């Protein structure tokens, strides 16, 4: 397995072969796999195109096996998969604690199945929002470009595009970790990027997706539409807008642009932007 992982990554980037061989000698298989995924992700000609191909092929299938058991199979992008895993794990830990208190001993996979059923029964409406841990180098977050020698990944899931990391920073609890090689130098918790009072005002101002002719009201996401949060954009009401998941995805990953403001929103496609005449010198 180790040879196959190293060979696949080295084929994508021969310069990484020696480093990966050393990693295989000293680290676990899981760590080696993560490093190989990072190498492959960094050399792809268009990481956003890869992420978009995964998104377009997303699916959730279910069937009954020969024993009559209900089965599930899903294919998701790393960031959406991480949200699912984080939500299940939060419930799974509580179910595990309750079971241990009563003397019950079952596998972690059994408790994960119970957590999934519990989420479905409650509609995901109770309890805290899922916590997704993104490890991203500050240089990648600032530039929006992935590098093989810098980390940009969801912990426990794998590499993600730099643009996805920047999008996740828009509405998150930020844990800033300064590192020197493998040593953690400092840790700073910066809290939620959207203050509660601003979030409330935004929900009142934008009850539906602000893209013209879109009337989606549920599951709206907050976007720093003028200046991105990763670029130092302020968390003020005049820099924020609520978008449906699809339009937020288009703006973040596919080159669409939101401008204007309340009562005068404008939604531009990549073709619109390309056809715009250059500004006068």
C-alpha atoms as a PDB file:
ATOM      1  CA  UNK A   1       0.000   0.000   0.000  1.00  0.00           C
ATOM      2  CA  UNK A   2       2.792   2.458   0.901  1.00  0.00           C
ATOM      3  CA  UNK A   3       4.595   1.825  -2.375  1.00  0.00           C
ATOM      4  CA  UNK A   4       1.392   2.395  -4.336  1.00  0.00           C
ATOM      5  CA  UNK A   5       0.670   5.671  -2.525  1.00  0.00           C
ATOM      6  CA  UNK A   6       4.211   6.970  -3.008  1.00  0.00           C
ATOM      7  CA  UNK A   7       4.297   5.859  -6.637  1.00  0.00           C
ATOM      8  CA  UNK A   8       1.043   7.628  -7.480  1.00  0.00           C
ATOM      9  CA  UNK A   9       2.105  10.886  -5.842  1.00  0.00           C
ATOM     10  CA  UNK A  10       5.620  10.721  -7.295  1.00  0.00           C
ATOM     11  CA  UNK A  11       4.159  10.246 -10.771  1.00  0.00           C
ATOM     12  CA  UNK A  12       2.273  13.533 -10.274  1.00  0.00           C
ATOM     13  CA  UNK A  13       5.321  15.326  -8.838  1.00  0.00           C
ATOM     14  CA  UNK A  14       8.654  13.453  -9.133  1.00  0.00           C
ATOM     15  CA  UNK A  15      10.372  16.089  -6.960  1.00  0.00           C
ATOM     16  CA  UNK A  16       8.395  14.876  -3.936  1.00  0.00           C
ATOM     17  CA  UNK A  17       9.447  11.228  -4.230  1.00  0.00           C
ATOM     18  CA  UNK A  18      12.448  11.344  -1.869  1.00  0.00           C
ATOM     19  CA  UNK A  19      10.502  13.216   0.827  1.00  0.00           C
ATOM     20  CA  UNK A  20       7.611  10.763   0.578  1.00  0.00           C
ATOM     21  CA  UNK A  21       9.936   7.771   0.860  1.00  0.00           C
ATOM     22  CA  UNK A  22      11.358   9.223   4.090  1.00  0.00           C
ATOM     23  CA  UNK A  23       7.820   9.839   5.337  1.00  0.00           C
ATOM     24  CA  UNK A  24       6.941   6.210   4.627  1.00  0.00           C
ATOM     25  CA  UNK A  25       9.865   5.063   6.780  1.00  0.00           C
ATOM     26  CA  UNK A  26       8.973   7.128   9.841  1.00  0.00           C
ATOM     27  CA  UNK A  27       5.240   7.869   9.767  1.00  0.00           C
ATOM     28  CA  UNK A  28       1.988   5.908   9.815  1.00  0.00           C
ATOM     29  CA  UNK A  29       0.171   4.830   6.671  1.00  0.00           C
ATOM     30  CA  UNK A  30      -2.550   7.401   7.339  1.00  0.00           C
ATOM     31  CA  UNK A  31      -0.002  10.232   7.580  1.00  0.00           C
ATOM     32  CA  UNK A  32       1.672   9.046   4.385  1.00  0.00           C
ATOM     33  CA  UNK A  33      -1.680   9.002   2.572  1.00  0.00           C
ATOM     34  CA  UNK A  34      -2.387  12.560   3.684  1.00  0.00           C
ATOM     35  CA  UNK A  35       1.012  13.734   2.417  1.00  0.00           C
ATOM     36  CA  UNK A  36       0.494  11.976  -0.919  1.00  0.00           C
ATOM     37  CA  UNK A  37      -2.945  13.561  -1.344  1.00  0.00           C
ATOM     38  CA  UNK A  38      -1.431  16.967  -0.633  1.00  0.00           C
ATOM     39  CA  UNK A  39       1.260  16.463  -3.274  1.00  0.00           C
ATOM     40  CA  UNK A  40      -1.271  15.340  -5.894  1.00  0.00           C
ATOM     41  CA  UNK A  41      -3.656  18.204  -5.090  1.00  0.00           C
ATOM     42  CA  UNK A  42      -0.922  20.832  -5.403  1.00  0.00           C
ATOM     43  CA  UNK A  43       0.191  19.838  -8.900  1.00  0.00           C
ATOM     44  CA  UNK A  44      -3.210  19.514 -10.509  1.00  0.00           C
ATOM     45  CA  UNK A  45      -3.536  22.152 -13.259  1.00  0.00           C
ATOM     46  CA  UNK A  46      -6.820  23.410 -11.804  1.00  0.00           C
ATOM     47  CA  UNK A  47      -7.689  22.386  -8.270  1.00  0.00           C
ATOM     48  CA  UNK A  48     -11.016  24.209  -8.434  1.00  0.00           C
ATOM     49  CA  UNK A  49     -11.930  22.249 -11.556  1.00  0.00           C
ATOM     50  CA  UNK A  50     -11.164  19.032  -9.667  1.00  0.00           C
ATOM     51  CA  UNK A  51     -13.353  20.140  -6.771  1.00  0.00           C
ATOM     52  CA  UNK A  52     -16.116  21.106  -9.191  1.00  0.00           C
ATOM     53  CA  UNK A  53     -15.960  17.695 -10.880  1.00  0.00           C
ATOM     54  CA  UNK A  54     -16.455  16.069  -7.491  1.00  0.00           C
ATOM     55  CA  UNK A  55     -19.324  18.422  -6.697  1.00  0.00           C
ATOM     56  CA  UNK A  56     -21.025  17.703 -10.016  1.00  0.00           C
ATOM     57  CA  UNK A  57     -20.747  13.959  -9.357  1.00  0.00           C
ATOM     58  CA  UNK A  58     -22.113  14.220  -5.795  1.00  0.00           C
ATOM     59  CA  UNK A  59     -24.655  11.590  -4.910  1.00  0.00           C
ATOM     60  CA  UNK A  60     -26.427   9.773  -2.114  1.00  0.00           C
ATOM     61  CA  UNK A  61     -27.645   6.261  -2.831  1.00  0.00           C
ATOM     62  CA  UNK A  62     -29.442   3.720  -0.666  1.00  0.00           C
ATOM     63  CA  UNK A  63     -30.436   0.097  -1.089  1.00  0.00           C
ATOM     64  CA  UNK A  64     -31.159  -3.073   0.852  1.00  0.00           C
ATOM     65  CA  UNK A  65     -28.497  -5.763   1.115  1.00  0.00           C
ATOM     66  CA  UNK A  66     -29.238  -9.539   1.027  1.00  0.00           C
ATOM     67  CA  UNK A  67     -29.851  -9.532   4.809  1.00  0.00           C
ATOM     68  CA  UNK A  68     -32.480  -6.828   4.423  1.00  0.00           C
ATOM     69  CA  UNK A  69     -30.312  -4.148   6.027  1.00  0.00           C
ATOM     70  CA  UNK A  70     -30.632  -0.553   4.869  1.00  0.00           C
ATOM     71  CA  UNK A  71     -27.388   0.664   3.208  1.00  0.00           C
ATOM     72  CA  UNK A  72     -26.093   4.122   2.262  1.00  0.00           C
ATOM     73  CA  UNK A  73     -23.337   5.333  -0.064  1.00  0.00           C
ATOM     74  CA  UNK A  74     -22.407   8.990  -0.586  1.00  0.00           C
ATOM     75  CA  UNK A  75     -19.935  10.936  -2.703  1.00  0.00           C
ATOM     76  CA  UNK A  76     -19.315  14.525  -1.562  1.00  0.00           C
ATOM     77  CA  UNK A  77     -16.678  17.229  -1.833  1.00  0.00           C
ATOM     78  CA  UNK A  78     -14.181  17.179   1.059  1.00  0.00           C
ATOM     79  CA  UNK A  79     -15.626  20.283   2.725  1.00  0.00           C
ATOM     80  CA  UNK A  80     -19.258  19.128   2.614  1.00  0.00           C
ATOM     81  CA  UNK A  81     -18.220  15.635   3.684  1.00  0.00           C
ATOM     82  CA  UNK A  82     -16.400  17.161   6.651  1.00  0.00           C
ATOM     83  CA  UNK A  83     -19.597  18.921   7.743  1.00  0.00           C
ATOM     84  CA  UNK A  84     -21.469  15.607   7.691  1.00  0.00           C
ATOM     85  CA  UNK A  85     -18.713  13.818   9.612  1.00  0.00           C
ATOM     86  CA  UNK A  86     -18.424  16.613  12.198  1.00  0.00           C
ATOM     87  CA  UNK A  87     -22.181  16.631  12.830  1.00  0.00           C
ATOM     88  CA  UNK A  88     -22.242  12.850  13.286  1.00  0.00           C
ATOM     89  CA  UNK A  89     -19.180  12.812  15.527  1.00  0.00           C
ATOM     90  CA  UNK A  90     -20.643  15.440  17.860  1.00  0.00           C
ATOM     91  CA  UNK A  91     -23.703  13.230  18.465  1.00  0.00           C
ATOM     92  CA  UNK A  92     -21.623  10.067  18.475  1.00  0.00           C
ATOM     93  CA  UNK A  93     -19.527  11.216  21.435  1.00  0.00           C
ATOM     94  CA  UNK A  94     -22.622  11.950  23.522  1.00  0.00           C
ATOM     95  CA  UNK A  95     -24.209   8.605  22.647  1.00  0.00           C
ATOM     96  CA  UNK A  96     -20.935   6.853  23.519  1.00  0.00           C
ATOM     97  CA  UNK A  97     -20.799   8.570  26.938  1.00  0.00           C
ATOM     98  CA  UNK A  98     -24.401   7.647  27.718  1.00  0.00           C
ATOM     99  CA  UNK A  99     -23.825   4.035  26.681  1.00  0.00           C
ATOM    100  CA  UNK A 100     -20.704   3.701  28.825  1.00  0.00           C
ATOM    101  CA  UNK A 101     -22.598   5.084  31.832  1.00  0.00           C
ATOM    102  CA  UNK A 102     -25.082   2.219  31.523  1.00  0.00           C
ATOM    103  CA  UNK A 103     -22.400  -0.408  30.990  1.00  0.00           C
ATOM    104  CA  UNK A 104     -23.176  -0.902  27.288  1.00  0.00           C
ATOM    105  CA  UNK A 105     -20.204  -1.726  25.043  1.00  0.00           C
ATOM    106  CA  UNK A 106     -20.629  -1.410  21.271  1.00  0.00           C
ATOM    107  CA  UNK A 107     -18.417  -0.357  18.376  1.00  0.00           C
ATOM    108  CA  UNK A 108     -17.804   3.290  17.466  1.00  0.00           C
ATOM    109  CA  UNK A 109     -19.356   2.560  14.068  1.00  0.00           C
ATOM    110  CA  UNK A 110     -22.574   1.445  15.786  1.00  0.00           C
ATOM    111  CA  UNK A 111     -22.700   4.723  17.724  1.00  0.00           C
ATOM    112  CA  UNK A 112     -22.047   6.677  14.506  1.00  0.00           C
ATOM    113  CA  UNK A 113     -25.058   4.940  12.929  1.00  0.00           C
ATOM    114  CA  UNK A 114     -27.178   5.896  15.956  1.00  0.00           C
ATOM    115  CA  UNK A 115     -25.975   9.500  15.628  1.00  0.00           C
ATOM    116  CA  UNK A 116     -26.997   9.642  11.960  1.00  0.00           C
ATOM    117  CA  UNK A 117     -30.499   8.383  12.795  1.00  0.00           C
ATOM    118  CA  UNK A 118     -30.776  10.914  15.638  1.00  0.00           C
ATOM    119  CA  UNK A 119     -29.821  13.760  13.309  1.00  0.00           C
ATOM    120  CA  UNK A 120     -32.453  12.669  10.802  1.00  0.00           C
ATOM    121  CA  UNK A 121     -35.157  12.440  13.472  1.00  0.00           C
ATOM    122  CA  UNK A 122     -34.416  15.923  14.798  1.00  0.00           C
ATOM    123  CA  UNK A 123     -33.901  17.492  11.398  1.00  0.00           C
ATOM    124  CA  UNK A 124     -30.494  18.747  12.448  1.00  0.00           C
ATOM    125  CA  UNK A 125     -32.175  21.667  14.234  1.00  0.00           C
ATOM    126  CA  UNK A 126     -30.927  21.112  17.772  1.00  0.00           C
ATOM    127  CA  UNK A 127     -27.459  21.295  19.250  1.00  0.00           C
ATOM    128  CA  UNK A 128     -24.463  23.353  18.107  1.00  0.00           C
ATOM    129  CA  UNK A 129     -23.471  23.762  14.485  1.00  0.00           C
ATOM    130  CA  UNK A 130     -20.938  21.276  13.203  1.00  0.00           C
ATOM    131  CA  UNK A 131     -17.323  22.225  13.841  1.00  0.00           C
ATOM    132  CA  UNK A 132     -14.968  21.674  10.900  1.00  0.00           C
ATOM    133  CA  UNK A 133     -11.236  22.065  11.560  1.00  0.00           C
ATOM    134  CA  UNK A 134      -9.373  23.528   8.592  1.00  0.00           C
ATOM    135  CA  UNK A 135      -5.571  23.618   8.706  1.00  0.00           C
ATOM    136  CA  UNK A 136      -4.332  26.170   6.193  1.00  0.00           C
ATOM    137  CA  UNK A 137      -1.043  28.023   5.864  1.00  0.00           C
ATOM    138  CA  UNK A 138      -1.428  31.801   6.076  1.00  0.00           C
ATOM    139  CA  UNK A 139       0.349  32.255   2.722  1.00  0.00           C
ATOM    140  CA  UNK A 140      -2.219  30.013   1.011  1.00  0.00           C
ATOM    141  CA  UNK A 141      -5.127  31.770   2.714  1.00  0.00           C
ATOM    142  CA  UNK A 142      -3.800  35.137   1.564  1.00  0.00           C
ATOM    143  CA  UNK A 143      -2.869  34.167  -2.006  1.00  0.00           C
ATOM    144  CA  UNK A 144      -5.674  31.707  -2.757  1.00  0.00           C
ATOM    145  CA  UNK A 145      -3.143  29.308  -4.329  1.00  0.00           C
ATOM    146  CA  UNK A 146      -2.259  25.837  -3.043  1.00  0.00           C
ATOM    147  CA  UNK A 147       1.359  24.735  -2.655  1.00  0.00           C
ATOM    148  CA  UNK A 148       2.738  21.237  -2.119  1.00  0.00           C
ATOM    149  CA  UNK A 149       4.945  22.372   0.759  1.00  0.00           C
ATOM    150  CA  UNK A 150       2.144  24.184   2.605  1.00  0.00           C
ATOM    151  CA  UNK A 151      -0.897  22.714   4.343  1.00  0.00           C
ATOM    152  CA  UNK A 152      -4.439  23.369   3.155  1.00  0.00           C
ATOM    153  CA  UNK A 153      -6.706  20.589   4.370  1.00  0.00           C
ATOM    154  CA  UNK A 154      -9.607  19.588   6.542  1.00  0.00           C
ATOM    155  CA  UNK A 155      -8.238  17.625   9.449  1.00  0.00           C
ATOM    156  CA  UNK A 156      -9.145  13.963   9.108  1.00  0.00           C
ATOM    157  CA  UNK A 157     -10.562  14.431   5.583  1.00  0.00           C
ATOM    158  CA  UNK A 158      -7.737  15.588   3.318  1.00  0.00           C
ATOM    159  CA  UNK A 159      -6.616  18.456   1.031  1.00  0.00           C
ATOM    160  CA  UNK A 160      -9.090  21.080  -0.162  1.00  0.00           C
ATOM    161  CA  UNK A 161      -8.742  23.923  -2.704  1.00  0.00           C
ATOM    162  CA  UNK A 162      -7.431  27.199  -1.317  1.00  0.00           C
ATOM    163  CA  UNK A 163     -10.620  28.938  -2.458  1.00  0.00           C
ATOM    164  CA  UNK A 164     -12.666  26.520  -0.355  1.00  0.00           C
ATOM    165  CA  UNK A 165     -10.560  27.327   2.707  1.00  0.00           C
ATOM    166  CA  UNK A 166     -11.080  31.029   2.072  1.00  0.00           C
ATOM    167  CA  UNK A 167     -14.841  30.496   1.745  1.00  0.00           C
ATOM    168  CA  UNK A 168     -15.003  28.529   4.993  1.00  0.00           C
ATOM    169  CA  UNK A 169     -13.269  31.441   6.736  1.00  0.00           C
ATOM    170  CA  UNK A 170     -16.176  33.719   5.818  1.00  0.00           C
ATOM    171  CA  UNK A 171     -18.424  32.460   8.629  1.00  0.00           C
ATOM    172  CA  UNK A 172     -16.452  30.494  11.147  1.00  0.00           C
ATOM    173  CA  UNK A 173     -14.854  30.252  14.531  1.00  0.00           C
ATOM    174  CA  UNK A 174     -11.251  31.028  13.680  1.00  0.00           C
ATOM    175  CA  UNK A 175      -8.450  29.276  15.532  1.00  0.00           C
ATOM    176  CA  UNK A 176      -5.248  30.928  14.364  1.00  0.00           C
ATOM    177  CA  UNK A 177      -2.263  28.601  14.813  1.00  0.00           C
ATOM    178  CA  UNK A 178       1.233  29.947  14.184  1.00  0.00           C
ATOM    179  CA  UNK A 179       3.721  27.223  13.315  1.00  0.00           C
ATOM    180  CA  UNK A 180       7.473  26.965  12.856  1.00  0.00           C
ATOM    181  CA  UNK A 181       7.929  23.746  10.902  1.00  0.00           C
ATOM    182  CA  UNK A 182       6.159  21.126  12.988  1.00  0.00           C
ATOM    183  CA  UNK A 183       6.270  23.197  16.204  1.00  0.00           C
ATOM    184  CA  UNK A 184       3.215  25.160  17.313  1.00  0.00           C
ATOM    185  CA  UNK A 185       4.412  28.632  18.310  1.00  0.00           C
ATOM    186  CA  UNK A 186       1.116  30.153  19.428  1.00  0.00           C
ATOM    187  CA  UNK A 187      -2.651  29.599  19.306  1.00  0.00           C
ATOM    188  CA  UNK A 188      -5.188  32.421  19.133  1.00  0.00           C
ATOM    189  CA  UNK A 189      -8.998  31.993  19.181  1.00  0.00           C
ATOM    190  CA  UNK A 190     -10.548  34.912  17.355  1.00  0.00           C
ATOM    191  CA  UNK A 191     -14.223  34.002  17.875  1.00  0.00           C
ATOM    192  CA  UNK A 192     -17.017  34.179  15.330  1.00  0.00           C
ATOM    193  CA  UNK A 193     -16.341  36.500  12.432  1.00  0.00           C
ATOM    194  CA  UNK A 194     -19.990  37.666  12.315  1.00  0.00           C
ATOM    195  CA  UNK A 195     -21.135  39.402  15.537  1.00  0.00           C
ATOM    196  CA  UNK A 196     -24.617  38.369  16.692  1.00  0.00           C
ATOM    197  CA  UNK A 197     -26.104  41.852  16.217  1.00  0.00           C
ATOM    198  CA  UNK A 198     -24.759  42.076  12.661  1.00  0.00           C
ATOM    199  CA  UNK A 199     -26.055  38.581  11.868  1.00  0.00           C
ATOM    200  CA  UNK A 200     -29.533  39.520  13.122  1.00  0.00           C
ATOM    201  CA  UNK A 201     -29.593  42.722  11.061  1.00  0.00           C
ATOM    202  CA  UNK A 202     -28.429  40.786   8.011  1.00  0.00           C
ATOM    203  CA  UNK A 203     -31.183  38.180   8.411  1.00  0.00           C
ATOM    204  CA  UNK A 204     -33.797  40.954   8.555  1.00  0.00           C
ATOM    205  CA  UNK A 205     -32.316  42.822   5.585  1.00  0.00           C
ATOM    206  CA  UNK A 206     -31.755  39.735   3.392  1.00  0.00           C
ATOM    207  CA  UNK A 207     -34.624  37.305   4.104  1.00  0.00           C
ATOM    208  CA  UNK A 208     -34.007  35.604   0.719  1.00  0.00           C
ATOM    209  CA  UNK A 209     -30.952  35.050  -1.464  1.00  0.00           C
ATOM    210  CA  UNK A 210     -30.002  38.512  -2.765  1.00  0.00           C
ATOM    211  CA  UNK A 211     -29.282  37.323  -6.326  1.00  0.00           C
ATOM    212  CA  UNK A 212     -32.028  38.813  -8.512  1.00  0.00           C
ATOM    213  CA  UNK A 213     -34.897  36.388  -9.260  1.00  0.00           C
ATOM    214  CA  UNK A 214     -33.678  33.841  -6.674  1.00  0.00           C
ATOM    215  CA  UNK A 215     -36.260  33.300  -3.950  1.00  0.00           C
ATOM    216  CA  UNK A 216     -34.469  30.668  -1.827  1.00  0.00           C
ATOM    217  CA  UNK A 217     -35.096  31.368   1.877  1.00  0.00           C
ATOM    218  CA  UNK A 218     -33.684  28.359   3.713  1.00  0.00           C
ATOM    219  CA  UNK A 219     -30.058  27.434   4.321  1.00  0.00           C
ATOM    220  CA  UNK A 220     -28.689  30.840   3.289  1.00  0.00           C
ATOM    221  CA  UNK A 221     -24.953  31.457   3.675  1.00  0.00           C
ATOM    222  CA  UNK A 222     -23.154  34.688   4.530  1.00  0.00           C
ATOM    223  CA  UNK A 223     -20.701  36.150   2.036  1.00  0.00           C
ATOM    224  CA  UNK A 224     -18.230  39.052   2.337  1.00  0.00           C
ATOM    225  CA  UNK A 225     -19.250  40.210  -1.117  1.00  0.00           C
ATOM    226  CA  UNK A 226     -17.249  43.440  -1.521  1.00  0.00           C
ATOM    227  CA  UNK A 227     -13.954  42.465   0.118  1.00  0.00           C
ATOM    228  CA  UNK A 228     -13.371  38.813   1.073  1.00  0.00           C
ATOM    229  CA  UNK A 229     -12.728  38.065   4.723  1.00  0.00           C
ATOM    230  CA  UNK A 230      -9.412  36.397   3.826  1.00  0.00           C
ATOM    231  CA  UNK A 231      -8.368  39.695   2.197  1.00  0.00           C
ATOM    232  CA  UNK A 232      -9.160  41.674   5.344  1.00  0.00           C
ATOM    233  CA  UNK A 233     -12.780  42.431   4.474  1.00  0.00           C
ATOM    234  CA  UNK A 234     -14.682  43.959   7.418  1.00  0.00           C
ATOM    235  CA  UNK A 235     -17.602  42.154   9.042  1.00  0.00           C
ATOM    236  CA  UNK A 236     -19.860  45.167   8.635  1.00  0.00           C
ATOM    237  CA  UNK A 237     -23.373  45.045   7.275  1.00  0.00           C
ATOM    238  CA  UNK A 238     -22.356  46.952   4.133  1.00  0.00           C
ATOM    239  CA  UNK A 239     -19.811  44.233   3.248  1.00  0.00           C
ATOM    240  CA  UNK A 240     -22.111  41.253   3.837  1.00  0.00           C
ATOM    241  CA  UNK A 241     -24.887  39.537   1.906  1.00  0.00           C
ATOM    242  CA  UNK A 242     -26.841  36.314   2.229  1.00  0.00           C
ATOM    243  CA  UNK A 243     -26.735  33.869  -0.684  1.00  0.00           C
ATOM    244  CA  UNK A 244     -28.219  30.444  -1.292  1.00  0.00           C
ATOM    245  CA  UNK A 245     -25.716  27.581  -1.348  1.00  0.00           C
ATOM    246  CA  UNK A 246     -25.628  27.363  -5.159  1.00  0.00           C
ATOM    247  CA  UNK A 247     -25.048  31.065  -5.776  1.00  0.00           C
ATOM    248  CA  UNK A 248     -22.448  31.185  -2.992  1.00  0.00           C
ATOM    249  CA  UNK A 249     -20.669  28.279  -4.700  1.00  0.00           C
ATOM    250  CA  UNK A 250     -20.759  30.071  -8.059  1.00  0.00           C
ATOM    251  CA  UNK A 251     -19.327  33.259  -6.568  1.00  0.00           C
ATOM    252  CA  UNK A 252     -16.622  31.464  -4.607  1.00  0.00           C
ATOM    253  CA  UNK A 253     -15.467  28.904  -7.152  1.00  0.00           C
ATOM    254  CA  UNK A 254     -16.808  29.710 -10.628  1.00  0.00           C
ATOM    255  CA  UNK A 255     -15.983  33.372 -11.180  1.00  0.00           C
ATOM    256  CA  UNK A 256     -19.420  34.950 -10.651  1.00  0.00           C
ATOM    257  CA  UNK A 257     -19.616  38.393  -9.032  1.00  0.00           C
ATOM    258  CA  UNK A 258     -22.118  40.130  -6.743  1.00  0.00           C
ATOM    259  CA  UNK A 259     -22.252  43.927  -6.635  1.00  0.00           C
ATOM    260  CA  UNK A 260     -24.645  46.790  -6.047  1.00  0.00           C
ATOM    261  CA  UNK A 261     -26.341  46.619  -2.664  1.00  0.00           C
ATOM    262  CA  UNK A 262     -29.764  46.352  -1.004  1.00  0.00           C
ATOM    263  CA  UNK A 263     -32.441  47.214  -3.576  1.00  0.00           C
ATOM    264  CA  UNK A 264     -29.908  47.290  -6.414  1.00  0.00           C
ATOM    265  CA  UNK A 265     -28.177  43.904  -6.397  1.00  0.00           C
ATOM    266  CA  UNK A 266     -26.331  42.900  -9.571  1.00  0.00           C
ATOM    267  CA  UNK A 267     -25.266  39.345 -10.444  1.00  0.00           C
ATOM    268  CA  UNK A 268     -22.589  39.037 -13.118  1.00  0.00           C
ATOM    269  CA  UNK A 269     -21.541  35.843 -14.864  1.00  0.00           C
ATOM    270  CA  UNK A 270     -17.917  35.216 -15.928  1.00  0.00           C
ATOM    271  CA  UNK A 271     -18.953  36.057 -19.510  1.00  0.00           C
ATOM    272  CA  UNK A 272     -20.429  39.372 -18.359  1.00  0.00           C
ATOM    273  CA  UNK A 273     -17.214  40.260 -16.563  1.00  0.00           C
ATOM    274  CA  UNK A 274     -15.022  39.270 -19.525  1.00  0.00           C
ATOM    275  CA  UNK A 275     -17.129  41.315 -21.962  1.00  0.00           C
ATOM    276  CA  UNK A 276     -16.960  44.445 -19.825  1.00  0.00           C
ATOM    277  CA  UNK A 277     -14.858  47.169 -21.517  1.00  0.00           C
ATOM    278  CA  UNK A 278     -11.616  48.022 -19.721  1.00  0.00           C
ATOM    279  CA  UNK A 279     -11.637  51.165 -17.583  1.00  0.00           C
ATOM    280  CA  UNK A 280     -10.322  54.354 -19.151  1.00  0.00           C
ATOM    281  CA  UNK A 281      -6.729  55.149 -18.219  1.00  0.00           C
END
